[in-house]
PDB file of N, CA and C in Angstrom:
ATOM      1  N   MET A   1      33.289 -41.768 107.183  1.00  0.00           N
ATOM      2  CA  MET A   1      33.113 -40.210 106.654  1.00  0.00           C
ATOM      3  C   MET A   1      34.097 -40.109 105.646  1.00  0.00           C
ATOM      4  N   LEU A   2      33.784 -39.261 104.743  1.00  0.00           N
ATOM      5  CA  LEU A   2      34.811 -38.597 103.741  1.00  0.00           C
ATOM      6  C   LEU A   2      35.334 -37.471 104.384  1.00  0.00           C
ATOM      7  N   ASN A   3      36.679 -37.390 104.219  1.00  0.00           N
ATOM      8  CA  ASN A   3      37.582 -36.467 104.464  1.00  0.00           C
ATOM      9  C   ASN A   3      37.881 -35.734 103.187  1.00  0.00           C
ATOM     10  N   ILE A   4      37.678 -34.331 102.999  1.00  0.00           N
ATOM     11  CA  ILE A   4      38.019 -33.958 101.667  1.00  0.00           C
ATOM     12  C   ILE A   4      38.934 -32.636 102.329  1.00  0.00           C
ATOM     13  N   THR A   5      40.214 -32.515 101.538  1.00  0.00           N
ATOM     14  CA  THR A   5      41.115 -31.638 101.538  1.00  0.00           C
ATOM     15  C   THR A   5      41.618 -31.324 100.120  1.00  0.00           C
ATOM     16  N   THR A   6      42.469 -30.167 100.314  1.00  0.00           N
ATOM     17  CA  THR A   6      43.054 -29.499  98.803  1.00  0.00           C
ATOM     18  C   THR A   6      44.509 -29.322  99.408  1.00  0.00           C
ATOM     19  N   ASP A   7      45.246 -29.702  98.354  1.00  0.00           N
ATOM     20  CA  ASP A   7      46.842 -29.558  98.427  1.00  0.00           C
ATOM     21  C   ASP A   7      47.107 -28.507  98.002  1.00  0.00           C
ATOM     22  N   GLU A   8      48.578 -28.166  98.221  1.00  0.00           N
ATOM     23  CA  GLU A   8      49.004 -26.943  97.808  1.00  0.00           C
ATOM     24  C   GLU A   8      49.168 -26.534  96.206  1.00  0.00           C
ATOM     25  N   HIS A   9      48.673 -27.890  95.539  1.00  0.00           N
ATOM     26  CA  HIS A   9      48.341 -27.454  94.128  1.00  0.00           C
ATOM     27  C   HIS A   9      47.105 -27.398  93.328  1.00  0.00           C
ATOM     28  N   GLY A  10      46.079 -27.365  94.422  1.00  0.00           N
ATOM     29  CA  GLY A  10      44.865 -27.129  94.407  1.00  0.00           C
ATOM     30  C   GLY A  10      44.177 -28.434  93.741  1.00  0.00           C
ATOM     31  N   PHE A  11      44.980 -29.717  93.944  1.00  0.00           N
ATOM     32  CA  PHE A  11      44.279 -30.912  93.755  1.00  0.00           C
ATOM     33  C   PHE A  11      43.050 -31.280  95.121  1.00  0.00           C
ATOM     34  N   LYS A  12      41.794 -31.741  94.673  1.00  0.00           N
ATOM     35  CA  LYS A  12      41.450 -32.459  95.774  1.00  0.00           C
ATOM     36  C   LYS A  12      41.050 -33.946  96.175  1.00  0.00           C
ATOM     37  N   THR A  13      41.678 -33.990  97.719  1.00  0.00           N
ATOM     38  CA  THR A  13      41.714 -35.288  97.667  1.00  0.00           C
ATOM     39  C   THR A  13      40.377 -35.777  98.672  1.00  0.00           C
ATOM     40  N   ALA A  14      39.615 -36.933  98.345  1.00  0.00           N
ATOM     41  CA  ALA A  14      38.630 -37.443  99.387  1.00  0.00           C
ATOM     42  C   ALA A  14      39.178 -38.651  99.772  1.00  0.00           C
ATOM     43  N   GLU A  15      39.312 -39.007 101.001  1.00  0.00           N
ATOM     44  CA  GLU A  15      39.765 -39.930 101.682  1.00  0.00           C
ATOM     45  C   GLU A  15      38.584 -40.636 102.522  1.00  0.00           C
ATOM     46  N   LEU A  16      38.160 -41.883 102.558  1.00  0.00           N
ATOM     47  CA  LEU A  16      37.088 -42.501 103.167  1.00  0.00           C
ATOM     48  C   LEU A  16      38.232 -43.702 103.643  1.00  0.00           C
ATOM     49  N   ASN A  17      38.091 -43.651 104.977  1.00  0.00           N
ATOM     50  CA  ASN A  17      38.507 -45.353 105.738  1.00  0.00           C
ATOM     51  C   ASN A  17      37.102 -45.843 106.087  1.00  0.00           C
ATOM     52  N   ALA A  18      36.858 -46.982 105.343  1.00  0.00           N
ATOM     53  CA  ALA A  18      35.348 -47.937 105.570  1.00  0.00           C
ATOM     54  C   ALA A  18      35.363 -48.414 106.940  1.00  0.00           C
ATOM     55  N   GLN A  19      34.319 -48.779 107.313  1.00  0.00           N
ATOM     56  CA  GLN A  19      33.697 -49.109 108.807  1.00  0.00           C
ATOM     57  C   GLN A  19      34.073 -50.481 108.354  1.00  0.00           C
ATOM     58  N   ALA A  20      34.043 -51.313 107.449  1.00  0.00           N
ATOM     59  CA  ALA A  20      34.472 -52.458 107.086  1.00  0.00           C
ATOM     60  C   ALA A  20      36.050 -52.862 107.074  1.00  0.00           C
ATOM     61  N   GLY A  21      36.839 -51.700 107.050  1.00  0.00           N
ATOM     62  CA  GLY A  21      38.220 -51.595 107.004  1.00  0.00           C
ATOM     63  C   GLY A  21      38.376 -51.487 105.608  1.00  0.00           C
ATOM     64  N   GLY A  22      39.605 -50.950 105.061  1.00  0.00           N
ATOM     65  CA  GLY A  22      39.776 -50.629 103.572  1.00  0.00           C
ATOM     66  C   GLY A  22      40.071 -49.314 103.545  1.00  0.00           C
ATOM     67  N   ARG A  23      39.880 -48.919 102.446  1.00  0.00           N
ATOM     68  CA  ARG A  23      40.434 -47.394 102.218  1.00  0.00           C
ATOM     69  C   ARG A  23      40.132 -47.105 100.671  1.00  0.00           C
ATOM     70  N   VAL A  24      39.386 -45.649 100.379  1.00  0.00           N
ATOM     71  CA  VAL A  24      39.020 -45.331  99.191  1.00  0.00           C
ATOM     72  C   VAL A  24      39.619 -43.650  99.044  1.00  0.00           C
ATOM     73  N   VAL A  25      40.489 -43.424  98.139  1.00  0.00           N
ATOM     74  CA  VAL A  25      41.038 -42.158  98.027  1.00  0.00           C
ATOM     75  C   VAL A  25      40.840 -41.801  96.493  1.00  0.00           C
ATOM     76  N   ILE A  26      40.022 -40.814  96.452  1.00  0.00           N
ATOM     77  CA  ILE A  26      39.710 -40.341  95.124  1.00  0.00           C
ATOM     78  C   ILE A  26      40.126 -38.508  94.993  1.00  0.00           C
ATOM     79  N   MET A  27      41.168 -38.507  93.845  1.00  0.00           N
ATOM     80  CA  MET A  27      41.817 -37.257  93.905  1.00  0.00           C
ATOM     81  C   MET A  27      40.952 -36.835  92.412  1.00  0.00           C
ATOM     82  N   ASP A  28      40.777 -35.200  92.833  1.00  0.00           N
ATOM     83  CA  ASP A  28      40.039 -34.627  91.558  1.00  0.00           C
ATOM     84  C   ASP A  28      41.154 -33.451  91.229  1.00  0.00           C
ATOM     85  N   PHE A  29      41.958 -33.739  89.877  1.00  0.00           N
ATOM     86  CA  PHE A  29      43.044 -32.692  89.532  1.00  0.00           C
ATOM     87  C   PHE A  29      42.447 -31.682  88.799  1.00  0.00           C
ATOM     88  N   GLY A  30      41.203 -31.599  88.619  1.00  0.00           N
ATOM     89  CA  GLY A  30      40.364 -30.477  87.898  1.00  0.00           C
ATOM     90  C   GLY A  30      40.300 -30.695  86.349  1.00  0.00           C
ATOM     91  N   ALA A  31      39.654 -30.162  85.579  1.00  0.00           N
ATOM     92  CA  ALA A  31      39.165 -30.373  84.117  1.00  0.00           C
ATOM     93  C   ALA A  31      40.572 -29.659  83.361  1.00  0.00           C
ATOM     94  N   GLU A  32      41.217 -28.935  83.792  1.00  0.00           N
ATOM     95  CA  GLU A  32      42.212 -28.321  83.230  1.00  0.00           C
ATOM     96  C   GLU A  32      43.505 -29.160  83.109  1.00  0.00           C
ATOM     97  N   TYR A  33      43.740 -29.815  83.898  1.00  0.00           N
ATOM     98  CA  TYR A  33      44.984 -30.483  83.843  1.00  0.00           C
ATOM     99  C   TYR A  33      45.405 -31.264  82.611  1.00  0.00           C
ATOM    100  N   VAL A  34      46.770 -31.419  82.434  1.00  0.00           N
ATOM    101  CA  VAL A  34      46.702 -31.720  81.246  1.00  0.00           C
ATOM    102  C   VAL A  34      46.454 -33.361  80.759  1.00  0.00           C
ATOM    103  N   THR A  35      46.889 -34.465  81.442  1.00  0.00           N
ATOM    104  CA  THR A  35      46.467 -35.921  81.420  1.00  0.00           C
ATOM    105  C   THR A  35      45.287 -36.360  82.063  1.00  0.00           C
ATOM    106  N   ASP A  36      45.333 -36.358  83.030  1.00  0.00           N
ATOM    107  CA  ASP A  36      44.132 -37.107  83.770  1.00  0.00           C
ATOM    108  C   ASP A  36      43.465 -35.762  84.439  1.00  0.00           C
ATOM    109  N   ILE A  37      42.187 -36.285  84.794  1.00  0.00           N
ATOM    110  CA  ILE A  37      41.109 -35.186  85.524  1.00  0.00           C
ATOM    111  C   ILE A  37      41.151 -35.835  87.098  1.00  0.00           C
ATOM    112  N   GLY A  38      41.718 -37.081  87.091  1.00  0.00           N
ATOM    113  CA  GLY A  38      41.713 -37.230  88.588  1.00  0.00           C
ATOM    114  C   GLY A  38      42.384 -38.996  88.900  1.00  0.00           C
ATOM    115  N   SER A  39      42.058 -39.459  89.782  1.00  0.00           N
ATOM    116  CA  SER A  39      42.531 -41.038  90.222  1.00  0.00           C
ATOM    117  C   SER A  39      41.572 -41.642  91.211  1.00  0.00           C
ATOM    118  N   VAL A  40      41.269 -42.833  91.037  1.00  0.00           N
ATOM    119  CA  VAL A  40      40.407 -43.528  92.244  1.00  0.00           C
ATOM    120  C   VAL A  40      41.343 -44.796  92.529  1.00  0.00           C
ATOM    121  N   SER A  41      41.628 -45.086  94.153  1.00  0.00           N
ATOM    122  CA  SER A  41      42.344 -45.950  94.539  1.00  0.00           C
ATOM    123  C   SER A  41      41.352 -46.261  95.547  1.00  0.00           C
ATOM    124  N   SER A  42      41.354 -47.885  95.547  1.00  0.00           N
ATOM    125  CA  SER A  42      40.483 -48.627  96.589  1.00  0.00           C
ATOM    126  C   SER A  42      41.148 -49.982  97.076  1.00  0.00           C
ATOM    127  N   ILE A  43      40.959 -50.164  98.422  1.00  0.00           N
ATOM    128  CA  ILE A  43      41.789 -51.354  99.109  1.00  0.00           C
ATOM    129  C   ILE A  43      40.860 -51.815 100.295  1.00  0.00           C
ATOM    130  N   ASN A  44      40.596 -52.914  99.940  1.00  0.00           N
ATOM    131  CA  ASN A  44      39.682 -53.483 100.835  1.00  0.00           C
ATOM    132  C   ASN A  44      40.316 -54.123 102.389  1.00  0.00           C
ATOM    133  N   SER A  45      39.720 -54.504 103.334  1.00  0.00           N
ATOM    134  CA  SER A  45      40.178 -54.827 104.434  1.00  0.00           C
ATOM    135  C   SER A  45      41.468 -56.066 104.334  1.00  0.00           C
ATOM    136  N   HIS A  46      41.303 -56.838 103.095  1.00  0.00           N
ATOM    137  CA  HIS A  46      42.143 -57.755 102.779  1.00  0.00           C
ATOM    138  C   HIS A  46      43.418 -57.371 101.817  1.00  0.00           C
ATOM    139  N   GLY A  47      43.481 -56.397 101.932  1.00  0.00           N
ATOM    140  CA  GLY A  47      44.398 -55.584 101.040  1.00  0.00           C
ATOM    141  C   GLY A  47      44.426 -55.838  99.416  1.00  0.00           C
ATOM    142  N   LEU A  48      43.414 -56.124  98.787  1.00  0.00           N
ATOM    143  CA  LEU A  48      42.853 -56.394  97.493  1.00  0.00           C
ATOM    144  C   LEU A  48      42.839 -54.903  96.971  1.00  0.00           C
ATOM    145  N   GLY A  49      42.839 -54.659  95.676  1.00  0.00           N
ATOM    146  CA  GLY A  49      42.213 -53.435  95.404  1.00  0.00           C
ATOM    147  C   GLY A  49      43.132 -52.804  94.175  1.00  0.00           C
ATOM    148  N   GLY A  50      43.158 -51.637  94.028  1.00  0.00           N
ATOM    149  CA  GLY A  50      44.320 -51.111  92.774  1.00  0.00           C
ATOM    150  C   GLY A  50      43.832 -49.533  92.891  1.00  0.00           C
ATOM    151  N   ASN A  51      44.417 -48.978  91.862  1.00  0.00           N
ATOM    152  CA  ASN A  51      44.609 -47.633  91.535  1.00  0.00           C
ATOM    153  C   ASN A  51      44.064 -47.596  90.017  1.00  0.00           C
ATOM    154  N   ASP A  52      43.314 -46.515  89.758  1.00  0.00           N
ATOM    155  CA  ASP A  52      42.982 -46.130  88.235  1.00  0.00           C
ATOM    156  C   ASP A  52      42.857 -44.707  87.998  1.00  0.00           C
ATOM    157  N   TRP A  53      43.066 -44.410  86.902  1.00  0.00           N
ATOM    158  CA  TRP A  53      43.058 -43.161  86.604  1.00  0.00           C
ATOM    159  C   TRP A  53      41.766 -42.721  85.900  1.00  0.00           C
ATOM    160  N   ILE A  54      41.356 -41.635  86.209  1.00  0.00           N
ATOM    161  CA  ILE A  54      40.061 -40.805  85.752  1.00  0.00           C
ATOM    162  C   ILE A  54      40.839 -40.054  84.518  1.00  0.00           C
ATOM    163  N   ARG A  55      40.533 -40.633  83.306  1.00  0.00           N
ATOM    164  CA  ARG A  55      41.289 -39.655  81.985  1.00  0.00           C
ATOM    165  C   ARG A  55      40.464 -38.923  81.577  1.00  0.00           C
ATOM    166  N   SER A  56      38.861 -39.031  81.278  1.00  0.00           N
ATOM    167  CA  SER A  56      37.990 -37.950  80.851  1.00  0.00           C
ATOM    168  C   SER A  56      36.470 -38.036  81.629  1.00  0.00           C
ATOM    169  N   VAL A  57      35.883 -37.414  81.432  1.00  0.00           N
ATOM    170  CA  VAL A  57      34.502 -37.191  82.053  1.00  0.00           C
ATOM    171  C   VAL A  57      33.615 -38.633  82.153  1.00  0.00           C
ATOM    172  N   SER A  58      33.869 -39.023  80.684  1.00  0.00           N
ATOM    173  CA  SER A  58      33.222 -40.613  80.182  1.00  0.00           C
ATOM    174  C   SER A  58      33.760 -41.798  81.385  1.00  0.00           C
ATOM    175  N   ASP A  59      35.007 -41.672  82.050  1.00  0.00           N
ATOM    176  CA  ASP A  59      35.329 -42.554  82.703  1.00  0.00           C
ATOM    177  C   ASP A  59      34.669 -42.586  84.236  1.00  0.00           C
ATOM    178  N   ILE A  60      34.192 -41.336  84.602  1.00  0.00           N
ATOM    179  CA  ILE A  60      33.430 -41.683  85.905  1.00  0.00           C
ATOM    180  C   ILE A  60      32.485 -42.451  86.020  1.00  0.00           C
ATOM    181  N   ASP A  61      31.756 -42.528  85.113  1.00  0.00           N
ATOM    182  CA  ASP A  61      30.386 -43.565  85.191  1.00  0.00           C
ATOM    183  C   ASP A  61      30.667 -44.995  85.419  1.00  0.00           C
ATOM    184  N   ARG A  62      32.225 -45.603  84.804  1.00  0.00           N
ATOM    185  CA  ARG A  62      32.876 -46.934  85.241  1.00  0.00           C
ATOM    186  C   ARG A  62      33.255 -46.935  86.584  1.00  0.00           C
ATOM    187  N   HIS A  63      33.833 -45.894  87.391  1.00  0.00           N
ATOM    188  CA  HIS A  63      34.250 -45.791  88.692  1.00  0.00           C
ATOM    189  C   HIS A  63      33.128 -45.611  89.426  1.00  0.00           C
ATOM    190  N   VAL A  64      31.837 -45.135  89.109  1.00  0.00           N
ATOM    191  CA  VAL A  64      30.576 -44.973  90.270  1.00  0.00           C
ATOM    192  C   VAL A  64      30.109 -46.675  90.065  1.00  0.00           C
ATOM    193  N   THR A  65      29.984 -47.213  88.865  1.00  0.00           N
ATOM    194  CA  THR A  65      29.687 -48.456  88.920  1.00  0.00           C
ATOM    195  C   THR A  65      30.455 -49.473  89.685  1.00  0.00           C
ATOM    196  N   ASP A  66      31.983 -49.301  89.793  1.00  0.00           N
ATOM    197  CA  ASP A  66      33.006 -49.894  90.633  1.00  0.00           C
ATOM    198  C   ASP A  66      32.371 -49.730  91.852  1.00  0.00           C
ATOM    199  N   ILE A  67      32.490 -48.884  92.395  1.00  0.00           N
ATOM    200  CA  ILE A  67      31.738 -48.336  93.802  1.00  0.00           C
ATOM    201  C   ILE A  67      30.629 -49.022  94.281  1.00  0.00           C
ATOM    202  N   GLU A  68      29.605 -49.037  93.539  1.00  0.00           N
ATOM    203  CA  GLU A  68      28.332 -49.216  93.423  1.00  0.00           C
ATOM    204  C   GLU A  68      28.476 -50.791  93.673  1.00  0.00           C
ATOM    205  N   ARG A  69      29.253 -51.588  93.047  1.00  0.00           N
ATOM    206  CA  ARG A  69      29.705 -52.993  93.319  1.00  0.00           C
ATOM    207  C   ARG A  69      30.295 -53.461  94.485  1.00  0.00           C
ATOM    208  N   SER A  70      31.026 -52.481  95.182  1.00  0.00           N
ATOM    209  CA  SER A  70      31.913 -52.784  96.210  1.00  0.00           C
ATOM    210  C   SER A  70      31.089 -53.270  97.264  1.00  0.00           C
ATOM    211  N   ARG A  71      31.087 -54.527  97.802  1.00  0.00           N
ATOM    212  CA  ARG A  71      30.159 -54.890  98.893  1.00  0.00           C
ATOM    213  C   ARG A  71      31.092 -54.673 100.146  1.00  0.00           C
ATOM    214  N   TRP A  72      31.993 -54.297 100.273  1.00  0.00           N
ATOM    215  CA  TRP A  72      32.717 -53.990 101.705  1.00  0.00           C
ATOM    216  C   TRP A  72      32.483 -52.393 101.861  1.00  0.00           C
ATOM    217  N   LEU A  73      31.615 -51.479 101.218  1.00  0.00           N
ATOM    218  CA  LEU A  73      31.357 -50.337 101.540  1.00  0.00           C
ATOM    219  C   LEU A  73      29.706 -49.925 101.753  1.00  0.00           C
ATOM    220  N   THR A  74      29.599 -49.473 103.008  1.00  0.00           N
ATOM    221  CA  THR A  74      28.174 -49.271 103.180  1.00  0.00           C
ATOM    222  C   THR A  74      27.327 -48.422 102.222  1.00  0.00           C
ATOM    223  N   THR A  75      26.404 -48.440 102.464  1.00  0.00           N
ATOM    224  CA  THR A  75      25.587 -47.657 101.364  1.00  0.00           C
ATOM    225  C   THR A  75      25.850 -46.228 101.487  1.00  0.00           C
ATOM    226  N   ALA A  76      26.009 -45.533 102.833  1.00  0.00           N
ATOM    227  CA  ALA A  76      26.484 -44.102 103.004  1.00  0.00           C
ATOM    228  C   ALA A  76      27.958 -43.849 102.413  1.00  0.00           C
ATOM    229  N   GLU A  77      28.531 -45.010 102.327  1.00  0.00           N
ATOM    230  CA  GLU A  77      30.078 -44.652 102.060  1.00  0.00           C
ATOM    231  C   GLU A  77      29.929 -44.527 100.676  1.00  0.00           C
ATOM    232  N   GLN A  78      29.112 -45.373  99.847  1.00  0.00           N
ATOM    233  CA  GLN A  78      28.969 -45.509  98.260  1.00  0.00           C
ATOM    234  C   GLN A  78      28.622 -44.183  97.881  1.00  0.00           C
ATOM    235  N   ARG A  79      27.829 -43.829  98.681  1.00  0.00           N
ATOM    236  CA  ARG A  79      27.124 -42.491  97.965  1.00  0.00           C
ATOM    237  C   ARG A  79      27.724 -41.430  98.224  1.00  0.00           C
ATOM    238  N   ALA A  80      28.809 -41.369  99.210  1.00  0.00           N
ATOM    239  CA  ALA A  80      29.741 -40.179  99.457  1.00  0.00           C
ATOM    240  C   ALA A  80      30.473 -40.106  98.449  1.00  0.00           C
ATOM    241  N   CYS A  81      31.253 -41.402  98.178  1.00  0.00           N
ATOM    242  CA  CYS A  81      32.318 -41.648  97.016  1.00  0.00           C
ATOM    243  C   CYS A  81      31.572 -41.038  95.604  1.00  0.00           C
ATOM    244  N   ILE A  82      30.468 -41.673  95.312  1.00  0.00           N
ATOM    245  CA  ILE A  82      29.938 -41.180  94.130  1.00  0.00           C
ATOM    246  C   ILE A  82      29.477 -39.892  93.776  1.00  0.00           C
ATOM    247  N   GLU A  83      29.015 -39.531  95.070  1.00  0.00           N
ATOM    248  CA  GLU A  83      28.856 -37.990  95.156  1.00  0.00           C
ATOM    249  C   GLU A  83      30.151 -37.192  94.748  1.00  0.00           C
ATOM    250  N   PHE A  84      31.280 -37.298  95.377  1.00  0.00           N
ATOM    251  CA  PHE A  84      32.397 -36.939  94.957  1.00  0.00           C
ATOM    252  C   PHE A  84      33.134 -36.937  93.790  1.00  0.00           C
ATOM    253  N   LEU A  85      32.812 -38.086  93.053  1.00  0.00           N
ATOM    254  CA  LEU A  85      33.161 -38.679  91.609  1.00  0.00           C
ATOM    255  C   LEU A  85      32.087 -37.728  90.603  1.00  0.00           C
ATOM    256  N   ARG A  86      31.012 -37.645  90.946  1.00  0.00           N
ATOM    257  CA  ARG A  86      29.949 -36.936  90.123  1.00  0.00           C
ATOM    258  C   ARG A  86      30.478 -35.383  89.763  1.00  0.00           C
ATOM    259  N   ALA A  87      31.139 -35.012  91.209  1.00  0.00           N
ATOM    260  CA  ALA A  87      31.172 -33.635  91.181  1.00  0.00           C
ATOM    261  C   ALA A  87      32.670 -33.245  90.502  1.00  0.00           C
ATOM    262  N   ILE A  88      33.239 -34.386  90.083  1.00  0.00           N
ATOM    263  CA  ILE A  88      34.357 -34.166  88.980  1.00  0.00           C
ATOM    264  C   ILE A  88      33.941 -33.792  87.717  1.00  0.00           C
ATOM    265  N   ALA A  89      32.966 -34.141  87.509  1.00  0.00           N
ATOM    266  CA  ALA A  89      32.462 -34.215  85.957  1.00  0.00           C
ATOM    267  C   ALA A  89      31.782 -32.514  85.993  1.00  0.00           C
ATOM    268  N   GLU A  90      31.351 -32.136  86.847  1.00  0.00           N
ATOM    269  CA  GLU A  90      30.869 -30.611  86.900  1.00  0.00           C
ATOM    270  C   GLU A  90      31.747 -29.414  86.322  1.00  0.00           C
TER     271      GLU A  90
END
């Protein structure tokens, strides 16, 4: 299940602890943030993964594709992450 929180700076964070192990963290800094509008970090149960910035709305499609290709996430987990990513573009 995706756990969404907002920190003291107003940044939204969506955290998912995957059923198969591993974790996905997506941050939404807001469209008015100076450099990046967010970030995506994913690490599977074997410790493989990484972190990447969302520099613009056009980057979101690339991150959606990456989530869709993740074999270690269930369909429901993928859907939750993708919905949060697409909400960043709104």
